[in-house]
Amino acid sequence: MRQIKIALLSGTRDETGFILPLALIALVVLAALSGALLAVGSTEVPIAANHLRAIQAQYLAEAGLEDAFDAFRVNPTTVATAPTLLTAVPNLNGASPTLAAFGSYTVKYQKTGGNTIRVISTGLNADGIATKVLTAVFTNDFGGSGGPGILTGGDFTINGNPTITGTCGNIFVNGNLSVSNPTVAGNVLATGTYTVTGTPVIGGTSGGGQPARTVPNVVPSDFLIAAKASLPASEVFQMKSDGRVLDGNNNLLTTLTSGATYRYFTYTSGSTASWSQTGNTGSDGAYYFEGNVSIAGSPGSNLSPWKASILATGYIDVAGTPVMQTHLTDTLLVAGTDVWVHGNVSLTINLPGLVAAHEQVNIQGSVSMSGYIVAQGAGSSSGLVVSDGLGGNTTITSNCGSISPPLADQLRILSWGR
């Protein structure tokens, strides 16, 4: 019994003070957790704040691109005259008072091609910590894949057996369209009615009731500005209504009396001056006429076309058998009122050429041309033609490709992002 008692006593431990170390360990763990939570909490606030600033800068940069798009849409010539170096975009509306409370944006642009620009918008949040840069490419070039080779702002009649071919051999009419026997490679569409009186051959879609398409504003003086900017002064001729003839630098070349001729154009004075070409010889150049122009001669040949761009504040009447080619890039005939082409005319040899009128364009006879036709349909003041039309055995070849400035189409976004 004694031995057993001794054994029991020797197995007993003294646990006095054991709870203190456990409490200390628990306090250390809790302190560590508290410190970690405080550290996480203290960093979450600036992280959230920086995220908010980045979002604000992003939206401000996007607002800058939207503002620039609207500015270029309102003033499309700004695209055509864009500088080659990055420059601040003019005529921005600026951030609204609500948006300005969150920061600001700056927008610059530069030319990247004909009627195509690169726009860079930088958003900066209100405290100046976060920035965001976005880049977009805008264009309002006329033409391009799928565009219409013939575009009018009013009713259009196709009679006879014309042929409209090429990769952009499409017709779009903002008005009523009547066709007889044309052969058209692409689409034939109208916003109004579509009436068939013969057996047309249409390669694409045809019909009326389409959404309207914007027709570019045709202003001959815009093309004069382009000619002065891109051609030597000696190749630009300004034929004034008072008989004066100026070069591209506005230097006086000569002053004509009524009935006198300069570079094969005969001047006739009047309340509306007129200029006529009746011979078989033409002088190359870009011509800007104040008044009406008629070409009834036969200058040029297939081997040696007459290289001329005819711009007129009044109408342009082309008959005879001229063979013409553009002198100012992509620009053949641009009228402040009407264009009437009839007879046996060959326009543009292996080059696209624009035939455009502020009012109407009517092409009849055995006419052969390559390029685009644009009739804005802004009234009918000249009386030369009263409606847009195409007829006879005319052949129009429209291959997709941008028309150089200053003719502008609807502004489009080619790309948008970082």
Protein backbone atom coordinates (compact mmCIF):
# COMPACT_ATOMS: atom_id res chain seq x y z
CA MET A 1 0.00 0.00 0.00
CA ARG A 2 2.76 2.44 0.72
CA GLN A 3 4.38 1.89 -2.61
CA ILE A 4 1.12 2.53 -4.42
CA LYS A 5 0.59 5.82 -2.60
CA ILE A 6 4.02 7.03 -3.49
CA ALA A 7 3.37 6.22 -7.14
CA LEU A 8 0.12 8.15 -7.20
CA LEU A 9 1.69 11.17 -5.60
CA SER A 10 4.57 11.24 -8.08
CA GLY A 11 2.13 11.34 -11.14
CA THR A 12 0.38 14.50 -10.03
CA ARG A 13 1.46 17.83 -11.88
CA ASP A 14 1.23 21.35 -10.63
CA GLU A 15 -0.64 23.49 -13.30
CA THR A 16 -0.63 26.74 -11.40
CA GLY A 17 -0.24 29.81 -13.84
CA PHE A 18 -0.89 27.82 -17.04
CA ILE A 19 -3.75 30.09 -18.20
CA LEU A 20 -1.55 33.18 -18.45
CA PRO A 21 0.54 32.01 -21.44
CA LEU A 22 -2.65 30.97 -23.29
CA ALA A 23 -4.16 34.37 -22.73
CA LEU A 24 -1.01 36.07 -23.99
CA ILE A 25 -0.97 33.91 -27.09
CA ALA A 26 -4.62 34.70 -27.76
CA LEU A 27 -3.94 38.42 -27.33
CA VAL A 28 -1.02 38.24 -29.75
CA VAL A 29 -3.17 36.43 -32.33
CA LEU A 30 -6.00 38.91 -31.92
CA ALA A 31 -3.59 41.82 -32.15
CA ALA A 32 -2.13 40.38 -35.34
CA LEU A 33 -5.58 39.89 -36.84
CA SER A 34 -6.61 43.38 -35.83
CA GLY A 35 -3.46 44.80 -37.37
CA ALA A 36 -4.07 42.87 -40.58
CA LEU A 37 -7.67 44.07 -40.76
CA LEU A 38 -6.62 47.63 -40.12
CA ALA A 39 -3.93 47.37 -42.79
CA VAL A 40 -6.39 45.92 -45.32
CA GLY A 41 -8.99 48.51 -44.43
CA SER A 42 -6.53 51.37 -44.74
CA THR A 43 -5.40 50.22 -48.24
CA GLU A 44 -8.90 49.52 -49.54
CA VAL A 45 -9.83 53.19 -49.25
CA PRO A 46 -7.07 54.50 -51.54
CA ILE A 47 -7.55 51.54 -53.89
CA ALA A 48 -11.23 52.36 -54.23
CA ALA A 49 -10.42 56.05 -54.63
CA ASN A 50 -7.88 55.34 -57.37
CA HIS A 51 -10.36 53.08 -59.15
CA LEU A 52 -12.94 55.85 -59.03
CA ARG A 53 -10.43 58.36 -60.40
CA ALA A 54 -9.53 55.97 -63.25
CA ILE A 55 -13.21 55.55 -64.15
CA GLN A 56 -13.70 59.31 -64.11
CA ALA A 57 -10.68 59.79 -66.40
CA GLN A 58 -12.02 57.07 -68.73
CA TYR A 59 -15.41 58.70 -69.07
CA LEU A 60 -13.86 62.13 -69.53
CA ALA A 61 -11.67 60.81 -72.36
CA GLU A 62 -14.73 59.25 -73.99
CA ALA A 63 -16.61 62.53 -73.61
CA GLY A 64 -13.75 64.28 -75.38
CA LEU A 65 -14.01 61.93 -78.37
CA GLU A 66 -17.78 62.44 -78.48
CA ASP A 67 -17.31 66.21 -78.37
CA ALA A 68 -14.77 66.06 -81.20
CA PHE A 69 -17.04 63.84 -83.31
CA ASP A 70 -19.84 66.38 -82.95
CA ALA A 71 -17.50 69.26 -83.86
CA PHE A 72 -16.33 67.50 -87.03
CA ARG A 73 -19.89 66.52 -87.92
CA VAL A 74 -21.04 70.15 -87.69
CA ASN A 75 -18.04 71.46 -89.65
CA PRO A 76 -16.94 68.66 -92.03
CA THR A 77 -14.38 70.84 -93.82
CA THR A 78 -12.31 70.70 -90.62
CA VAL A 79 -11.59 67.05 -91.46
CA ALA A 80 -10.41 67.88 -94.97
CA THR A 81 -8.13 70.66 -93.74
CA ALA A 82 -6.70 68.78 -90.75
CA PRO A 83 -3.04 69.51 -89.94
CA THR A 84 -0.35 66.85 -90.26
CA LEU A 85 0.86 67.53 -86.71
CA LEU A 86 -1.22 66.94 -83.60
CA THR A 87 -3.25 70.09 -82.96
CA ALA A 88 -6.05 70.99 -80.56
CA VAL A 89 -9.48 70.30 -82.05
CA PRO A 90 -11.26 73.61 -82.75
CA ASN A 91 -14.82 74.53 -81.76
CA LEU A 92 -15.33 71.95 -79.02
CA ASN A 93 -18.38 72.42 -76.82
CA GLY A 94 -16.37 71.53 -73.70
CA ALA A 95 -17.44 69.51 -70.69
CA SER A 96 -20.86 70.27 -69.23
CA PRO A 97 -20.93 71.82 -65.73
CA THR A 98 -21.89 68.46 -64.25
CA LEU A 99 -19.10 66.62 -66.03
CA ALA A 100 -16.55 69.37 -65.35
CA ALA A 101 -16.99 68.77 -61.63
CA PHE A 102 -15.22 65.44 -62.12
CA GLY A 103 -12.34 66.68 -64.27
CA SER A 104 -11.52 67.82 -67.80
CA TYR A 105 -10.38 66.58 -71.20
CA THR A 106 -8.10 67.76 -74.00
CA VAL A 107 -8.51 66.58 -77.58
CA LYS A 108 -6.01 66.78 -80.45
CA TYR A 109 -6.20 65.61 -84.05
CA GLN A 110 -4.08 65.14 -87.17
CA LYS A 111 -4.52 64.08 -90.79
CA THR A 112 -3.91 60.43 -91.62
CA GLY A 113 -5.28 60.47 -95.17
CA GLY A 114 -7.76 62.15 -97.46
CA ASN A 115 -10.72 63.17 -95.29
CA THR A 116 -9.47 60.86 -92.53
CA ILE A 117 -8.10 61.96 -89.14
CA ARG A 118 -6.69 60.47 -85.94
CA VAL A 119 -8.15 61.95 -82.75
CA ILE A 120 -6.49 61.61 -79.33
CA SER A 121 -8.51 62.47 -76.21
CA THR A 122 -6.94 62.70 -72.76
CA GLY A 123 -9.20 62.61 -69.71
CA LEU A 124 -7.91 64.07 -66.41
CA ASN A 125 -9.82 63.65 -63.17
CA ALA A 126 -10.51 66.63 -60.91
CA ASP A 127 -7.55 66.22 -58.52
CA GLY A 128 -5.14 65.62 -61.40
CA ILE A 129 -4.07 62.15 -60.26
CA ALA A 130 -5.61 59.86 -62.89
CA THR A 131 -5.40 60.22 -66.69
CA LYS A 132 -6.80 58.15 -69.53
CA VAL A 133 -5.88 58.40 -73.21
CA LEU A 134 -8.20 57.16 -75.96
CA THR A 135 -7.63 57.23 -79.71
CA ALA A 136 -10.18 57.17 -82.52
CA VAL A 137 -10.05 57.40 -86.30
CA PHE A 138 -12.79 59.42 -88.02
CA THR A 139 -13.50 59.79 -91.71
CA ASN A 140 -16.04 61.53 -93.91
CA ASP A 141 -14.48 60.54 -97.22
CA PHE A 142 -16.95 60.14 -100.05
CA GLY A 143 -17.00 56.71 -101.63
CA GLY A 144 -15.58 53.63 -100.04
CA SER A 145 -16.80 50.08 -100.14
CA GLY A 146 -20.51 49.76 -100.81
CA GLY A 147 -21.12 53.46 -101.40
CA PRO A 148 -23.40 54.66 -104.20
CA GLY A 149 -21.87 55.60 -107.53
CA ILE A 150 -24.93 57.78 -108.12
CA LEU A 151 -26.42 59.73 -105.21
CA THR A 152 -29.20 62.30 -105.50
CA GLY A 153 -31.15 64.52 -103.16
CA GLY A 154 -34.30 64.48 -105.29
CA ASP A 155 -36.37 62.38 -107.70
CA PHE A 156 -34.42 60.41 -110.31
CA THR A 157 -35.50 58.97 -113.67
CA ILE A 158 -33.58 56.35 -115.61
CA ASN A 159 -34.74 55.94 -119.20
CA GLY A 160 -33.21 54.24 -122.22
CA ASN A 161 -30.57 51.55 -121.73
CA PRO A 162 -27.82 52.95 -119.51
CA THR A 163 -25.29 50.73 -117.76
CA ILE A 164 -24.00 51.37 -114.25
CA THR A 165 -21.14 49.06 -113.44
CA GLY A 166 -18.15 48.74 -111.11
CA THR A 167 -17.67 47.70 -107.50
CA CYS A 168 -19.68 50.74 -106.36
CA GLY A 169 -22.20 50.57 -109.19
CA ASN A 170 -25.04 51.45 -106.82
CA ILE A 171 -27.79 54.08 -107.03
CA PHE A 172 -29.39 55.78 -104.05
CA VAL A 173 -32.14 58.36 -104.46
CA ASN A 174 -33.56 60.57 -101.72
CA GLY A 175 -36.92 60.78 -103.45
CA ASN A 176 -38.90 58.82 -106.02
CA LEU A 177 -37.09 56.58 -108.50
CA SER A 178 -38.40 55.50 -111.90
CA VAL A 179 -36.46 53.03 -114.06
CA SER A 180 -36.97 51.55 -117.51
CA ASN A 181 -34.25 49.27 -118.90
CA PRO A 182 -30.97 49.96 -117.12
CA THR A 183 -28.31 47.38 -116.29
CA VAL A 184 -27.03 48.06 -112.79
CA ALA A 185 -24.29 46.05 -111.09
CA GLY A 186 -25.33 46.87 -107.54
CA ASN A 187 -28.28 48.21 -105.57
CA VAL A 188 -31.02 50.54 -106.83
CA LEU A 189 -32.73 52.11 -103.82
CA ALA A 190 -34.93 55.11 -103.03
CA THR A 191 -36.51 56.71 -100.00
CA GLY A 192 -39.75 57.26 -101.91
CA THR A 193 -41.48 55.13 -104.51
CA TYR A 194 -39.73 52.72 -106.85
CA THR A 195 -41.45 52.43 -110.23
CA VAL A 196 -40.44 50.02 -113.00
CA THR A 197 -41.67 50.65 -116.57
CA GLY A 198 -39.39 48.23 -118.45
CA THR A 199 -37.19 45.22 -117.77
CA PRO A 200 -34.22 46.41 -115.74
CA VAL A 201 -31.33 44.10 -114.87
CA ILE A 202 -30.38 44.75 -111.25
CA GLY A 203 -27.45 42.92 -109.68
CA GLY A 204 -28.28 43.87 -106.10
CA THR A 205 -31.29 44.95 -104.08
CA SER A 206 -33.93 47.29 -105.47
CA GLY A 207 -36.92 49.09 -104.01
CA GLY A 208 -38.25 52.15 -102.24
CA GLY A 209 -39.08 53.11 -98.70
CA GLN A 210 -35.45 53.22 -97.60
CA PRO A 211 -34.06 55.43 -94.80
CA ALA A 212 -32.71 58.72 -96.13
CA ARG A 213 -29.02 59.15 -96.81
CA THR A 214 -27.22 62.45 -96.37
CA VAL A 215 -26.13 64.07 -99.63
CA PRO A 216 -22.89 66.08 -99.44
CA ASN A 217 -23.10 69.83 -99.77
CA VAL A 218 -21.79 70.74 -103.23
CA VAL A 219 -20.06 74.15 -103.15
CA PRO A 220 -17.81 74.99 -106.15
CA SER A 221 -15.79 77.55 -104.16
CA ASP A 222 -14.67 74.76 -101.82
CA PHE A 223 -13.11 73.03 -104.81
CA LEU A 224 -11.39 76.26 -105.82
CA ILE A 225 -9.77 76.35 -102.38
CA ALA A 226 -8.63 72.76 -102.89
CA ALA A 227 -7.22 73.62 -106.32
CA LYS A 228 -5.27 76.57 -104.96
CA ALA A 229 -3.88 74.40 -102.17
CA SER A 230 -2.84 71.44 -104.30
CA LEU A 231 -1.94 72.81 -107.74
CA PRO A 232 0.67 75.30 -108.96
CA ALA A 233 -0.78 78.79 -109.28
CA SER A 234 -0.07 78.69 -113.02
CA GLU A 235 -2.52 75.77 -113.42
CA VAL A 236 -5.48 77.47 -111.73
CA PHE A 237 -7.61 79.98 -113.65
CA GLN A 238 -10.28 82.11 -111.99
CA MET A 239 -12.60 83.43 -114.67
CA LYS A 240 -14.40 86.35 -113.02
CA SER A 241 -17.86 87.58 -114.00
CA ASP A 242 -16.42 91.03 -114.88
CA GLY A 243 -13.99 89.54 -117.42
CA ARG A 244 -10.90 89.47 -115.22
CA VAL A 245 -8.82 86.29 -115.20
CA LEU A 246 -6.74 85.51 -112.11
CA ASP A 247 -4.26 82.74 -111.41
CA GLY A 248 -4.12 80.56 -108.31
CA ASN A 249 -2.38 83.32 -106.34
CA ASN A 250 -5.07 85.86 -107.34
CA ASN A 251 -2.66 87.64 -109.67
CA LEU A 252 -4.33 89.32 -112.66
CA LEU A 253 -3.54 87.51 -115.92
CA THR A 254 -5.78 89.49 -118.26
CA THR A 255 -9.07 91.36 -118.50
CA LEU A 256 -11.48 90.31 -121.23
CA THR A 257 -14.11 92.34 -122.99
CA SER A 258 -17.39 90.67 -123.91
CA GLY A 259 -16.80 88.36 -126.88
CA ALA A 260 -13.08 87.92 -126.19
CA THR A 261 -11.49 84.49 -125.77
CA TYR A 262 -8.92 83.20 -123.27
CA ARG A 263 -7.56 79.65 -123.26
CA TYR A 264 -10.28 78.72 -125.79
CA PHE A 265 -13.15 79.97 -123.62
CA THR A 266 -15.21 82.87 -124.97
CA TYR A 267 -16.52 85.34 -122.41
CA THR A 268 -19.96 86.94 -122.64
CA SER A 269 -20.86 89.58 -120.09
CA GLY A 270 -24.30 89.94 -118.60
CA SER A 271 -26.26 89.81 -115.37
CA THR A 272 -25.01 86.23 -115.29
CA ALA A 273 -21.75 85.91 -117.16
CA SER A 274 -21.30 82.99 -119.54
CA TRP A 275 -18.27 81.18 -120.90
CA SER A 276 -18.29 78.89 -123.94
CA GLN A 277 -15.84 76.50 -125.54
CA THR A 278 -16.72 75.57 -129.12
CA GLY A 279 -13.50 74.49 -130.82
CA ASN A 280 -11.58 71.24 -130.91
CA THR A 281 -8.73 72.42 -128.74
CA GLY A 282 -8.64 72.68 -124.98
CA SER A 283 -6.04 74.01 -122.60
CA ASP A 284 -5.28 71.93 -119.51
CA GLY A 285 -5.95 73.36 -116.05
CA ALA A 286 -8.40 73.78 -113.22
CA TYR A 287 -10.98 76.44 -114.13
CA TYR A 288 -13.30 78.30 -111.79
CA PHE A 289 -16.00 80.24 -113.64
CA GLU A 290 -18.26 82.90 -112.17
CA GLY A 291 -21.33 82.25 -114.27
CA ASN A 292 -22.48 79.54 -116.67
CA VAL A 293 -20.23 77.31 -118.80
CA SER A 294 -20.98 75.49 -122.05
CA ILE A 295 -18.63 73.06 -123.79
CA ALA A 296 -19.84 72.29 -127.30
CA GLY A 297 -16.55 71.52 -129.04
CA SER A 298 -14.52 68.33 -129.24
CA PRO A 299 -11.25 68.89 -127.41
CA GLY A 300 -9.13 65.90 -126.44
CA SER A 301 -8.80 62.33 -127.68
CA ASN A 302 -8.36 58.90 -126.15
CA LEU A 303 -4.62 59.14 -126.68
CA SER A 304 -4.41 62.72 -125.47
CA PRO A 305 -7.43 63.67 -123.33
CA TRP A 306 -8.17 67.24 -122.34
CA LYS A 307 -7.04 67.43 -118.70
CA ALA A 308 -9.41 69.92 -117.16
CA SER A 309 -11.49 70.37 -114.04
CA ILE A 310 -14.46 72.67 -114.60
CA LEU A 311 -15.95 74.48 -111.60
CA ALA A 312 -18.76 76.96 -112.06
CA THR A 313 -20.98 79.05 -109.83
CA GLY A 314 -23.77 78.59 -112.40
CA TYR A 315 -24.54 75.63 -114.65
CA ILE A 316 -22.28 73.41 -116.77
CA ASP A 317 -23.59 72.26 -120.16
CA VAL A 318 -21.39 69.66 -121.89
CA ALA A 319 -22.22 68.53 -125.44
CA GLY A 320 -20.16 67.86 -128.56
CA THR A 321 -17.64 65.02 -128.36
CA PRO A 322 -15.04 66.08 -125.79
CA VAL A 323 -12.72 63.52 -124.21
CA MET A 324 -11.85 64.78 -120.74
CA GLN A 325 -9.72 63.78 -117.79
CA THR A 326 -9.47 65.36 -114.35
CA HIS A 327 -6.81 67.98 -113.66
CA LEU A 328 -7.66 68.57 -110.01
CA THR A 329 -7.55 65.16 -108.34
CA ASP A 330 -10.89 63.32 -108.64
CA THR A 331 -12.71 66.48 -109.74
CA LEU A 332 -14.21 66.81 -113.21
CA LEU A 333 -17.42 68.90 -113.26
CA VAL A 334 -18.80 70.79 -110.23
CA ALA A 335 -21.67 73.24 -110.68
CA GLY A 336 -23.37 75.71 -108.38
CA THR A 337 -26.67 74.96 -110.12
CA ASP A 338 -27.03 72.17 -112.74
CA VAL A 339 -24.89 69.80 -114.77
CA TRP A 340 -26.22 68.63 -118.12
CA VAL A 341 -24.10 66.17 -120.11
CA HIS A 342 -25.47 65.08 -123.48
CA GLY A 343 -24.25 63.98 -126.85
CA ASN A 344 -21.22 61.74 -127.34
CA VAL A 345 -19.03 62.60 -124.38
CA SER A 346 -16.17 60.62 -122.84
CA LEU A 347 -15.28 61.73 -119.34
CA THR A 348 -12.17 60.58 -117.45
CA ILE A 349 -9.75 58.09 -118.96
CA ASN A 350 -8.64 55.41 -116.47
CA LEU A 351 -9.24 57.81 -113.59
CA PRO A 352 -12.22 58.45 -111.31
CA GLY A 353 -13.90 61.80 -111.73
CA LEU A 354 -16.62 63.51 -109.77
CA VAL A 355 -19.60 65.07 -111.54
CA ALA A 356 -21.55 67.05 -108.95
CA ALA A 357 -24.20 69.76 -108.83
CA HIS A 358 -25.71 71.84 -106.07
CA GLU A 359 -29.04 71.35 -107.82
CA GLN A 360 -29.57 68.69 -110.54
CA VAL A 361 -27.49 66.37 -112.73
CA ASN A 362 -28.89 64.99 -115.98
CA ILE A 363 -26.83 62.76 -118.29
CA GLN A 364 -28.25 61.64 -121.64
CA GLY A 365 -26.97 60.26 -124.94
CA SER A 366 -23.91 58.12 -125.62
CA VAL A 367 -21.93 59.27 -122.63
CA SER A 368 -19.10 57.22 -121.15
CA MET A 369 -17.59 58.17 -117.82
CA SER A 370 -15.91 56.73 -114.75
CA GLY A 371 -16.40 58.10 -111.27
CA TYR A 372 -19.26 59.36 -109.12
CA ILE A 373 -22.37 61.44 -109.71
CA VAL A 374 -23.78 63.58 -106.90
CA ALA A 375 -26.84 65.81 -107.23
CA GLN A 376 -27.59 67.67 -104.02
CA GLY A 377 -31.07 68.72 -105.13
CA ALA A 378 -30.97 72.17 -103.52
CA GLY A 379 -33.70 73.85 -105.59
CA SER A 380 -33.96 74.40 -109.34
CA SER A 381 -32.92 77.92 -110.21
CA SER A 382 -31.02 77.68 -113.50
CA GLY A 383 -33.69 76.09 -115.67
CA LEU A 384 -31.06 74.12 -117.62
CA VAL A 385 -32.52 70.86 -116.30
CA VAL A 386 -35.38 70.52 -113.86
CA SER A 387 -34.83 66.96 -112.60
CA ASP A 388 -32.12 64.39 -112.11
CA GLY A 389 -31.90 61.77 -114.83
CA LEU A 390 -29.85 59.22 -116.71
CA GLY A 391 -30.63 57.89 -120.16
CA GLY A 392 -29.62 56.87 -123.64
CA ASN A 393 -26.72 54.43 -123.91
CA THR A 394 -24.72 56.04 -121.15
CA THR A 395 -22.18 53.91 -119.30
CA ILE A 396 -21.14 54.86 -115.77
CA THR A 397 -18.29 52.94 -114.15
CA SER A 398 -18.02 53.49 -110.40
CA ASN A 399 -15.27 51.58 -108.66
CA CYS A 400 -15.10 52.03 -104.90
CA GLY A 401 -12.51 54.48 -103.72
CA SER A 402 -12.40 57.64 -101.68
CA ILE A 403 -12.92 60.96 -103.38
CA SER A 404 -10.38 63.53 -102.29
CA PRO A 405 -11.47 66.64 -100.38
CA PRO A 406 -13.49 68.81 -100.29
CA LEU A 407 -16.54 66.62 -100.98
CA ALA A 408 -17.52 65.16 -97.62
CA ASP A 409 -19.82 62.26 -96.80
CA GLN A 410 -21.42 61.36 -93.47
CA LEU A 411 -18.88 61.30 -90.66
CA ARG A 412 -18.00 57.75 -89.64
CA ILE A 413 -15.90 56.12 -86.91
CA LEU A 414 -13.32 53.68 -88.27
CA SER A 415 -11.84 52.74 -84.89
CA TRP A 416 -12.17 53.65 -81.22
CA GLY A 417 -10.07 52.49 -78.28
CA ARG A 418 -6.75 52.79 -76.52
